[in-house]
Each structure stands twice: as C-alpha cells, then as structure tokens.
Amino acid sequence: MYLHIGGEHTVRTRDILGIFDLDNTSTSRDTREFLRRAEQEGRVVNVSPDLPKSFLVCGSAPYTVYICQISAATLKKRSGFLDETKLNL
C-alpha cells in the first residue's frame, strides 16, 4: 500500500520506519542532530513549501527523511498503522 504524504509524493507503507511530530520531537538534541546530519548527507526531501508539521523516516540505511505539512496523526491514520494495531490485539 502507498501513503500520500503531500505534493506529488507517495511512499510505500512497508518502507516507513517512523512518523514523527516535528514540534514534539525537535525539542530533543538527538533528533535535531539526526535531521541535521540527514540534511548534510542529502537524504532529506522537503515535500511541501508550507510550514512543516511532521517527518517520516523511510527505507533502510541510508534512510530517507521526508518533511511534510501533514500532521503525524493524519499520516498515521492514512497509513492504516492504527488499524493494524487493532488487528493484532
């Protein structure tokens, strides 16, 4: 299954390692360092010119980081991760 993450970008849901809220996670020094390094290595794709709300880490090493304007909660709902969790209970 594919997840539309904004603009003309989609990612395969099986490639998603994590969906993160940018406001909550960027307060951590480790997260800021991770994003800074990914940016320096050219592994960041900014999906939208609007104010970013979340980021996704996809693929295997080296990872790709997608920064998008859609909230983490909306992306999680769209991806079906919440539905899969219910099925595993």
Protein backbone atom coordinates (compact mmCIF):
# COMPACT_ATOMS: atom_id res chain seq x y z
CA MET A 1 0.00 0.00 0.00
CA TYR A 2 1.12 3.56 -0.64
CA LEU A 3 0.76 6.65 1.52
CA HIS A 4 0.31 10.12 0.02
CA ILE A 5 2.49 12.48 2.07
CA GLY A 6 1.80 15.73 0.25
CA GLY A 7 2.52 17.37 -3.06
CA GLU A 8 3.18 14.71 -5.65
CA HIS A 9 4.92 12.37 -3.21
CA THR A 10 3.92 8.92 -2.05
CA VAL A 11 5.85 6.30 -0.10
CA ARG A 12 5.27 2.59 0.38
CA THR A 13 3.88 1.93 3.84
CA ARG A 14 6.18 -1.05 4.32
CA ASP A 15 9.18 1.30 3.89
CA ILE A 16 8.06 3.63 6.70
CA LEU A 17 10.17 3.21 9.81
CA GLY A 18 8.59 6.05 11.74
CA ILE A 19 6.22 9.00 11.56
CA PHE A 20 7.14 11.85 13.89
CA ASP A 21 5.52 15.08 15.01
CA LEU A 22 8.05 17.81 14.28
CA ASP A 23 7.04 20.09 17.17
CA ASN A 24 7.33 17.38 19.83
CA THR A 25 10.44 15.60 18.59
CA SER A 26 12.54 18.60 17.52
CA THR A 27 12.97 19.61 21.15
CA SER A 28 15.37 16.67 21.55
CA ARG A 29 19.02 17.40 20.80
CA ASP A 30 19.39 13.88 19.32
CA THR A 31 16.53 14.43 16.88
CA ARG A 32 17.90 17.79 15.78
CA GLU A 33 21.31 16.18 15.23
CA PHE A 34 19.73 13.31 13.24
CA LEU A 35 17.87 15.76 11.00
CA ARG A 36 20.94 17.98 10.59
CA ARG A 37 23.08 15.01 9.54
CA ALA A 38 20.45 13.72 7.14
CA GLU A 39 20.27 17.20 5.59
CA GLN A 40 24.06 17.37 5.18
CA GLU A 41 24.09 13.94 3.55
CA GLY A 42 21.35 14.93 1.09
CA ARG A 43 18.81 12.46 2.44
CA VAL A 44 16.07 14.98 3.27
CA VAL A 45 13.17 15.55 0.89
CA ASN A 46 11.03 18.57 1.69
CA VAL A 47 7.63 17.63 0.30
CA SER A 48 5.90 20.98 0.77
CA PRO A 49 6.76 24.66 0.81
CA ASP A 50 4.28 25.16 3.68
CA LEU A 51 5.12 25.07 7.37
CA PRO A 52 6.25 21.51 8.20
CA LYS A 53 4.34 19.54 10.83
CA SER A 54 5.89 16.09 10.64
CA PHE A 55 8.64 13.98 9.20
CA LEU A 56 8.88 10.36 8.11
CA VAL A 57 11.93 8.13 8.13
CA CYS A 58 11.77 5.60 5.30
CA GLY A 59 13.81 2.82 3.78
CA SER A 60 16.87 1.05 5.02
CA ALA A 61 20.29 2.53 5.66
CA PRO A 62 20.85 5.08 4.31
CA TYR A 63 17.43 6.34 5.34
CA THR A 64 15.40 8.99 3.55
CA VAL A 65 13.70 11.66 5.64
CA TYR A 66 10.55 13.25 4.23
CA ILE A 67 9.45 16.56 5.77
CA CYS A 68 5.79 17.36 5.15
CA GLN A 69 2.97 19.68 6.17
CA ILE A 70 0.52 16.91 7.08
CA SER A 71 0.26 16.15 10.78
CA ALA A 72 1.73 12.93 12.14
CA ALA A 73 -1.69 11.84 13.42
CA THR A 74 -3.25 12.23 9.96
CA LEU A 75 -0.40 10.34 8.31
CA LYS A 76 -0.74 7.51 10.80
CA LYS A 77 -4.47 7.26 10.15
CA ARG A 78 -3.96 7.32 6.39
CA SER A 79 -1.28 4.66 6.58
CA GLY A 80 -3.52 2.20 8.36
CA PHE A 81 -1.00 1.64 11.16
CA LEU A 82 -3.73 2.22 13.72
CA ASP A 83 -5.96 -0.37 12.03
CA GLU A 84 -3.14 -2.93 12.01
CA THR A 85 -2.61 -2.36 15.73
CA LYS A 86 -6.26 -3.14 16.40
CA LEU A 87 -5.98 -6.36 14.42
CA ASN A 88 -3.01 -7.53 16.49
CA LEU A 89 -4.82 -7.19 19.82
